[in-house]
Amino acid sequence: MVGGLVLSQAQSHQVATPRTAALEKRLREQAPPCGAAAAAAVSVRSVDDVRKAHARHIKPGLDRSPRHARPLLAACALSGWPGGTELAASIFDSLDEPEAFDYNTLMRGHVSGGRDPAAALRLYADMLEAGVEPDNYTFPFVLKACAQLAALQEGRQVTASART
């Protein structure tokens, strides 16, 4: 990785010329602050990898920033790993000001494969209570949770609120 760019193995072993060396130096100088490049290019294969990456973000306080936490949140919420949704919820809870995107990611994780649709509905209620405006991506996840729970009345309420 050079300055936040992930290079393939073939690219990273190219012969350095004065021009490429100058470009690499400029990229390193423009690199995001400590940890941000790693968070943006997190390569995880298990919940343990995510836990390690998350631990590296806690000490400098990067775990509270959506920009740094989002790749980890998505990796856990959408992975299907045992314990992944719980770790995603923990990462979500550490965010200072979660945005609609963050709520949507965690709701999507809850409804994927019917894992915990009731948690998705609770999260939607929390989102509204926190004053975060749902966007067009929010409603499909909430309606899917309603369908999985056979919650017809709640589905109608969500549909009505989506139209306004």
C-alpha atoms as a PDB file:
ATOM      1  CA  MET A   1       0.000   0.000   0.000  1.00  0.00           C
ATOM      2  CA  VAL A   2       1.321   3.418  -0.930  1.00  0.00           C
ATOM      3  CA  GLY A   3      -0.308   6.516   0.531  1.00  0.00           C
ATOM      4  CA  GLY A   4      -3.705   4.905   0.929  1.00  0.00           C
ATOM      5  CA  LEU A   5      -3.631   3.247  -2.495  1.00  0.00           C
ATOM      6  CA  VAL A   6      -3.694  -0.519  -2.558  1.00  0.00           C
ATOM      7  CA  LEU A   7      -1.353  -1.772  -5.237  1.00  0.00           C
ATOM      8  CA  SER A   8      -1.488  -5.240  -6.670  1.00  0.00           C
ATOM      9  CA  GLN A   9       1.554  -7.414  -6.116  1.00  0.00           C
ATOM     10  CA  ALA A  10       2.606  -6.909  -9.742  1.00  0.00           C
ATOM     11  CA  GLN A  11       2.424  -3.132  -9.373  1.00  0.00           C
ATOM     12  CA  SER A  12       4.288  -3.014  -6.070  1.00  0.00           C
ATOM     13  CA  HIS A  13       7.315  -4.847  -7.514  1.00  0.00           C
ATOM     14  CA  GLN A  14       7.896  -2.526 -10.449  1.00  0.00           C
ATOM     15  CA  VAL A  15      11.347  -1.090 -10.896  1.00  0.00           C
ATOM     16  CA  ALA A  16      11.605   2.267  -9.137  1.00  0.00           C
ATOM     17  CA  THR A  17      12.585   5.147 -11.366  1.00  0.00           C
ATOM     18  CA  PRO A  18      13.234   8.704 -10.190  1.00  0.00           C
ATOM     19  CA  ARG A  19       9.734   9.601 -11.432  1.00  0.00           C
ATOM     20  CA  THR A  20       7.979   6.745  -9.577  1.00  0.00           C
ATOM     21  CA  ALA A  21      10.060   7.400  -6.473  1.00  0.00           C
ATOM     22  CA  ALA A  22       8.970  11.056  -6.506  1.00  0.00           C
ATOM     23  CA  LEU A  23       5.342  10.012  -7.002  1.00  0.00           C
ATOM     24  CA  GLU A  24       5.545   7.549  -4.101  1.00  0.00           C
ATOM     25  CA  LYS A  25       7.083  10.238  -1.869  1.00  0.00           C
ATOM     26  CA  ARG A  26       4.306  12.685  -2.778  1.00  0.00           C
ATOM     27  CA  LEU A  27       1.656  10.037  -2.102  1.00  0.00           C
ATOM     28  CA  ARG A  28       3.174   9.247   1.314  1.00  0.00           C
ATOM     29  CA  GLU A  29       3.159  12.945   2.209  1.00  0.00           C
ATOM     30  CA  GLN A  30      -0.510  13.228   1.193  1.00  0.00           C
ATOM     31  CA  ALA A  31      -1.469  10.040   3.039  1.00  0.00           C
ATOM     32  CA  PRO A  32      -4.324  10.306   5.527  1.00  0.00           C
ATOM     33  CA  PRO A  33      -3.529  10.482   9.242  1.00  0.00           C
ATOM     34  CA  CYS A  34      -2.339   7.393  11.101  1.00  0.00           C
ATOM     35  CA  GLY A  35      -4.639   4.455  10.643  1.00  0.00           C
ATOM     36  CA  ALA A  36      -6.981   6.022   8.112  1.00  0.00           C
ATOM     37  CA  ALA A  37      -5.320   4.367   5.138  1.00  0.00           C
ATOM     38  CA  ALA A  38      -5.432   1.016   6.881  1.00  0.00           C
ATOM     39  CA  ALA A  39      -9.106   1.473   7.753  1.00  0.00           C
ATOM     40  CA  ALA A  40      -9.993   2.386   4.196  1.00  0.00           C
ATOM     41  CA  ALA A  41      -8.282  -0.720   2.850  1.00  0.00           C
ATOM     42  CA  VAL A  42      -9.069  -3.215   5.579  1.00  0.00           C
ATOM     43  CA  SER A  43      -8.558  -6.745   4.370  1.00  0.00           C
ATOM     44  CA  VAL A  44     -10.325  -9.052   6.772  1.00  0.00           C
ATOM     45  CA  ARG A  45     -11.107 -12.730   6.593  1.00  0.00           C
ATOM     46  CA  SER A  46     -12.555 -13.354  10.038  1.00  0.00           C
ATOM     47  CA  VAL A  47     -14.072 -11.712  13.080  1.00  0.00           C
ATOM     48  CA  ASP A  48     -10.655 -11.941  14.733  1.00  0.00           C
ATOM     49  CA  ASP A  49      -9.117  -9.839  11.936  1.00  0.00           C
ATOM     50  CA  VAL A  50     -11.813  -7.218  12.480  1.00  0.00           C
ATOM     51  CA  ARG A  51     -11.276  -7.261  16.247  1.00  0.00           C
ATOM     52  CA  LYS A  52      -7.559  -6.654  15.728  1.00  0.00           C
ATOM     53  CA  ALA A  53      -8.193  -3.825  13.266  1.00  0.00           C
ATOM     54  CA  HIS A  54     -10.797  -2.313  15.601  1.00  0.00           C
ATOM     55  CA  ALA A  55      -8.378  -2.489  18.544  1.00  0.00           C
ATOM     56  CA  ARG A  56      -5.784  -0.572  16.504  1.00  0.00           C
ATOM     57  CA  HIS A  57      -8.390   2.179  15.985  1.00  0.00           C
ATOM     58  CA  ILE A  58      -9.481   2.478  19.605  1.00  0.00           C
ATOM     59  CA  LYS A  59      -6.278   3.888  21.115  1.00  0.00           C
ATOM     60  CA  PRO A  60      -6.022   6.948  18.805  1.00  0.00           C
ATOM     61  CA  GLY A  61      -9.812   7.410  18.989  1.00  0.00           C
ATOM     62  CA  LEU A  62     -10.444   6.552  15.337  1.00  0.00           C
ATOM     63  CA  ASP A  63     -13.177   4.094  16.325  1.00  0.00           C
ATOM     64  CA  ARG A  64     -15.570   7.019  16.928  1.00  0.00           C
ATOM     65  CA  SER A  65     -15.181   8.369  13.406  1.00  0.00           C
ATOM     66  CA  PRO A  66     -17.627   6.978  10.802  1.00  0.00           C
ATOM     67  CA  ARG A  67     -14.948   7.349   8.130  1.00  0.00           C
ATOM     68  CA  HIS A  68     -12.675   4.910   9.939  1.00  0.00           C
ATOM     69  CA  ALA A  69     -15.288   2.610  11.436  1.00  0.00           C
ATOM     70  CA  ARG A  70     -17.437   2.060   8.330  1.00  0.00           C
ATOM     71  CA  PRO A  71     -15.240  -0.554   6.628  1.00  0.00           C
ATOM     72  CA  LEU A  72     -15.114  -2.571   9.846  1.00  0.00           C
ATOM     73  CA  LEU A  73     -18.831  -2.104  10.487  1.00  0.00           C
ATOM     74  CA  ALA A  74     -19.701  -3.326   7.001  1.00  0.00           C
ATOM     75  CA  ALA A  75     -17.272  -6.243   7.164  1.00  0.00           C
ATOM     76  CA  CYS A  76     -18.878  -7.514  10.365  1.00  0.00           C
ATOM     77  CA  ALA A  77     -22.517  -6.717   9.640  1.00  0.00           C
ATOM     78  CA  LEU A  78     -22.562  -8.242   6.175  1.00  0.00           C
ATOM     79  CA  SER A  79     -20.155 -11.147   6.608  1.00  0.00           C
ATOM     80  CA  GLY A  80     -22.383 -13.818   8.070  1.00  0.00           C
ATOM     81  CA  TRP A  81     -19.596 -14.767  10.500  1.00  0.00           C
ATOM     82  CA  PRO A  82     -20.662 -16.102  13.896  1.00  0.00           C
ATOM     83  CA  GLY A  83     -20.531 -13.115  16.228  1.00  0.00           C
ATOM     84  CA  GLY A  84     -20.168 -10.682  13.328  1.00  0.00           C
ATOM     85  CA  THR A  85     -23.439  -8.843  13.879  1.00  0.00           C
ATOM     86  CA  GLU A  86     -22.697  -8.430  17.596  1.00  0.00           C
ATOM     87  CA  LEU A  87     -19.262  -6.979  16.840  1.00  0.00           C
ATOM     88  CA  ALA A  88     -20.843  -4.700  14.212  1.00  0.00           C
ATOM     89  CA  ALA A  89     -23.302  -3.465  16.852  1.00  0.00           C
ATOM     90  CA  SER A  90     -20.385  -2.788  19.192  1.00  0.00           C
ATOM     91  CA  ILE A  91     -18.558  -0.811  16.490  1.00  0.00           C
ATOM     92  CA  PHE A  92     -21.784   1.069  15.706  1.00  0.00           C
ATOM     93  CA  ASP A  93     -22.272   1.932  19.400  1.00  0.00           C
ATOM     94  CA  SER A  94     -18.794   3.490  19.523  1.00  0.00           C
ATOM     95  CA  LEU A  95     -19.631   6.036  16.795  1.00  0.00           C
ATOM     96  CA  ASP A  96     -20.048   9.612  18.036  1.00  0.00           C
ATOM     97  CA  GLU A  97     -22.747  10.560  15.549  1.00  0.00           C
ATOM     98  CA  PRO A  98     -23.890   7.673  13.375  1.00  0.00           C
ATOM     99  CA  GLU A  99     -25.407   8.707  10.065  1.00  0.00           C
ATOM    100  CA  ALA A 100     -28.147   7.068   7.999  1.00  0.00           C
ATOM    101  CA  PHE A 101     -25.512   5.048   6.130  1.00  0.00           C
ATOM    102  CA  ASP A 102     -24.294   3.505   9.391  1.00  0.00           C
ATOM    103  CA  TYR A 103     -27.816   2.659  10.549  1.00  0.00           C
ATOM    104  CA  ASN A 104     -28.594   1.166   7.125  1.00  0.00           C
ATOM    105  CA  THR A 105     -25.483  -1.007   7.179  1.00  0.00           C
ATOM    106  CA  LEU A 106     -26.335  -2.486  10.556  1.00  0.00           C
ATOM    107  CA  MET A 107     -30.032  -2.923   9.644  1.00  0.00           C
ATOM    108  CA  ARG A 108     -28.967  -4.706   6.477  1.00  0.00           C
ATOM    109  CA  GLY A 109     -26.838  -7.056   8.558  1.00  0.00           C
ATOM    110  CA  HIS A 110     -29.760  -7.816  10.857  1.00  0.00           C
ATOM    111  CA  VAL A 111     -32.150  -8.690   8.013  1.00  0.00           C
ATOM    112  CA  SER A 112     -29.644 -10.600   5.858  1.00  0.00           C
ATOM    113  CA  GLY A 113     -30.600 -14.222   6.059  1.00  0.00           C
ATOM    114  CA  GLY A 114     -33.271 -13.385   8.616  1.00  0.00           C
ATOM    115  CA  ARG A 115     -30.640 -13.092  11.377  1.00  0.00           C
ATOM    116  CA  ASP A 116     -32.490 -10.673  13.682  1.00  0.00           C
ATOM    117  CA  PRO A 117     -35.232  -8.643  11.986  1.00  0.00           C
ATOM    118  CA  ALA A 118     -36.586  -7.450  15.356  1.00  0.00           C
ATOM    119  CA  ALA A 119     -33.203  -5.801  16.028  1.00  0.00           C
ATOM    120  CA  ALA A 120     -33.467  -4.039  12.665  1.00  0.00           C
ATOM    121  CA  LEU A 121     -36.838  -2.575  13.662  1.00  0.00           C
ATOM    122  CA  ARG A 122     -35.486  -1.478  17.048  1.00  0.00           C
ATOM    123  CA  LEU A 123     -32.542   0.147  15.271  1.00  0.00           C
ATOM    124  CA  TYR A 124     -34.950   1.981  12.946  1.00  0.00           C
ATOM    125  CA  ALA A 125     -36.860   3.281  15.965  1.00  0.00           C
ATOM    126  CA  ASP A 126     -33.558   4.384  17.546  1.00  0.00           C
ATOM    127  CA  MET A 127     -32.641   6.126  14.295  1.00  0.00           C
ATOM    128  CA  LEU A 128     -35.850   8.131  14.313  1.00  0.00           C
ATOM    129  CA  GLU A 129     -35.506   8.905  18.024  1.00  0.00           C
ATOM    130  CA  ALA A 130     -31.944  10.172  17.450  1.00  0.00           C
ATOM    131  CA  GLY A 131     -33.251  12.546  14.792  1.00  0.00           C
ATOM    132  CA  VAL A 132     -31.394  10.874  11.924  1.00  0.00           C
ATOM    133  CA  GLU A 133     -33.422  11.170   8.721  1.00  0.00           C
ATOM    134  CA  PRO A 134     -33.967   7.878   6.928  1.00  0.00           C
ATOM    135  CA  ASP A 135     -32.959   7.896   3.286  1.00  0.00           C
ATOM    136  CA  ASN A 136     -34.211   5.893   0.325  1.00  0.00           C
ATOM    137  CA  TYR A 137     -31.916   3.003   1.258  1.00  0.00           C
ATOM    138  CA  THR A 138     -33.359   2.718   4.762  1.00  0.00           C
ATOM    139  CA  PHE A 139     -36.885   1.677   3.833  1.00  0.00           C
ATOM    140  CA  PRO A 140     -36.124  -1.578   1.964  1.00  0.00           C
ATOM    141  CA  PHE A 141     -34.235  -2.918   4.994  1.00  0.00           C
ATOM    142  CA  VAL A 142     -37.005  -1.904   7.398  1.00  0.00           C
ATOM    143  CA  LEU A 143     -39.723  -3.323   5.162  1.00  0.00           C
ATOM    144  CA  LYS A 144     -37.776  -6.564   4.784  1.00  0.00           C
ATOM    145  CA  ALA A 145     -37.619  -6.808   8.588  1.00  0.00           C
ATOM    146  CA  CYS A 146     -41.381  -6.246   8.757  1.00  0.00           C
ATOM    147  CA  ALA A 147     -41.931  -8.975   6.166  1.00  0.00           C
ATOM    148  CA  GLN A 148     -39.695 -11.432   8.017  1.00  0.00           C
ATOM    149  CA  LEU A 149     -41.646 -10.771  11.217  1.00  0.00           C
ATOM    150  CA  ALA A 150     -45.031 -10.781   9.448  1.00  0.00           C
ATOM    151  CA  ALA A 151     -45.522  -7.316  10.982  1.00  0.00           C
ATOM    152  CA  LEU A 152     -48.157  -6.035   8.578  1.00  0.00           C
ATOM    153  CA  GLN A 153     -49.223  -3.009  10.629  1.00  0.00           C
ATOM    154  CA  GLU A 154     -45.631  -1.831  11.147  1.00  0.00           C
ATOM    155  CA  GLY A 155     -44.941  -2.332   7.439  1.00  0.00           C
ATOM    156  CA  ARG A 156     -47.899  -0.110   6.584  1.00  0.00           C
ATOM    157  CA  GLN A 157     -46.648   2.582   8.977  1.00  0.00           C
ATOM    158  CA  VAL A 158     -43.173   2.482   7.424  1.00  0.00           C
ATOM    159  CA  THR A 159     -44.650   2.662   3.926  1.00  0.00           C
ATOM    160  CA  ALA A 160     -46.759   5.663   4.915  1.00  0.00           C
ATOM    161  CA  SER A 161     -43.754   7.465   6.424  1.00  0.00           C
ATOM    162  CA  ALA A 162     -41.660   6.722   3.324  1.00  0.00           C
ATOM    163  CA  ARG A 163     -44.212   8.497   1.145  1.00  0.00           C
ATOM    164  CA  THR A 164     -44.060  11.753   3.084  1.00  0.00           C
END
